[in-house]
């Protein structure tokens, strides 16, 4: 993931997360409307797609989405403080 302004990369991150497989059929639920990937990312050890996992199950996978969220929040908090906004 990268943040850029006027063509200049300001920050970037690359993370790895839990390893799953592509499901044959989408799962029944999605907790992120419009983001279909979570409904087909299947974790055999849980018998569930990503969108069906509990918070605890996601945490046990060392979920990269949660880590990215923290990094992005930290970056933008620092960016706006530095910019004086």
Protein backbone atom coordinates (compact mmCIF):
# COMPACT_ATOMS: atom_id res chain seq x y z
CA UNK A 1 0.00 0.00 0.00
CA UNK A 2 1.31 3.46 -0.82
CA UNK A 3 0.35 7.05 -0.09
CA UNK A 4 1.33 9.58 -2.73
CA UNK A 5 0.82 13.27 -3.38
CA UNK A 6 1.27 14.84 -6.81
CA UNK A 7 3.08 11.75 -8.05
CA UNK A 8 5.55 11.55 -5.16
CA UNK A 9 5.35 8.51 -2.89
CA UNK A 10 5.18 9.77 0.69
CA UNK A 11 5.01 6.39 2.42
CA UNK A 12 4.58 2.75 1.51
CA UNK A 13 4.09 -0.55 3.31
CA UNK A 14 4.24 -4.20 2.32
CA UNK A 15 2.90 -6.82 4.70
CA UNK A 16 2.10 -10.50 4.65
CA UNK A 17 -0.86 -11.99 6.41
CA UNK A 18 -2.71 -15.22 6.88
CA UNK A 19 -2.55 -17.75 4.08
CA UNK A 20 -5.83 -19.02 2.71
CA UNK A 21 -7.16 -20.42 -0.53
CA UNK A 22 -9.77 -19.28 -3.03
CA UNK A 23 -13.19 -20.73 -2.16
CA UNK A 24 -15.19 -22.53 -4.83
CA UNK A 25 -18.24 -20.41 -3.91
CA UNK A 26 -18.45 -17.05 -2.09
CA UNK A 27 -19.31 -17.18 1.61
CA UNK A 28 -22.77 -16.21 2.83
CA UNK A 29 -21.78 -12.97 4.53
CA UNK A 30 -19.55 -10.02 3.92
CA UNK A 31 -18.72 -7.38 6.49
CA UNK A 32 -17.17 -5.09 3.91
CA UNK A 33 -19.81 -4.21 1.30
CA UNK A 34 -18.33 -3.84 -2.17
CA UNK A 35 -15.11 -5.66 -1.29
CA UNK A 36 -15.80 -9.12 -2.69
CA UNK A 37 -12.37 -10.63 -1.99
CA UNK A 38 -13.21 -11.30 1.66
CA UNK A 39 -16.12 -13.52 0.61
CA UNK A 40 -13.89 -15.90 -1.41
CA UNK A 41 -10.71 -15.93 0.72
CA UNK A 42 -11.16 -19.26 2.51
CA UNK A 43 -9.32 -20.54 5.59
CA UNK A 44 -9.60 -24.35 5.77
CA UNK A 45 -8.43 -24.48 9.40
CA UNK A 46 -11.60 -22.55 10.37
CA UNK A 47 -13.93 -23.77 7.63
CA UNK A 48 -14.78 -20.11 6.93
CA UNK A 49 -14.13 -17.29 4.51
CA UNK A 50 -12.38 -14.15 5.76
CA UNK A 51 -15.66 -12.26 6.06
CA UNK A 52 -17.03 -15.00 8.34
CA UNK A 53 -14.07 -15.06 10.74
CA UNK A 54 -14.43 -13.67 14.25
CA UNK A 55 -12.06 -10.98 15.47
CA UNK A 56 -10.20 -13.60 17.51
CA UNK A 57 -9.80 -15.87 14.49
CA UNK A 58 -8.46 -12.97 12.41
CA UNK A 59 -6.03 -12.04 15.17
CA UNK A 60 -4.72 -15.61 15.25
CA UNK A 61 -3.85 -15.24 11.55
CA UNK A 62 -1.72 -12.15 12.27
CA UNK A 63 -4.14 -10.26 10.04
CA UNK A 64 -2.29 -7.78 7.81
CA UNK A 65 -5.38 -5.57 7.38
CA UNK A 66 -5.34 -4.69 11.06
CA UNK A 67 -1.62 -3.97 10.98
CA UNK A 68 -2.02 -1.80 7.86
CA UNK A 69 -4.81 0.14 9.58
CA UNK A 70 -2.47 0.92 12.50
CA UNK A 71 0.37 1.99 10.21
CA UNK A 72 -1.86 4.23 8.10
CA UNK A 73 -3.45 5.86 11.15
CA UNK A 74 -0.01 6.50 12.63
CA UNK A 75 1.23 7.98 9.34
CA UNK A 76 -1.72 10.33 8.84
CA UNK A 77 -1.75 11.43 12.48
CA UNK A 78 1.94 12.37 12.15
CA UNK A 79 1.41 13.89 8.68
CA UNK A 80 -1.34 16.25 9.80
CA UNK A 81 0.51 17.24 12.97
CA UNK A 82 3.65 18.01 10.91
CA UNK A 83 1.64 19.89 8.28
CA UNK A 84 0.08 22.02 11.01
CA UNK A 85 -3.46 20.95 10.17
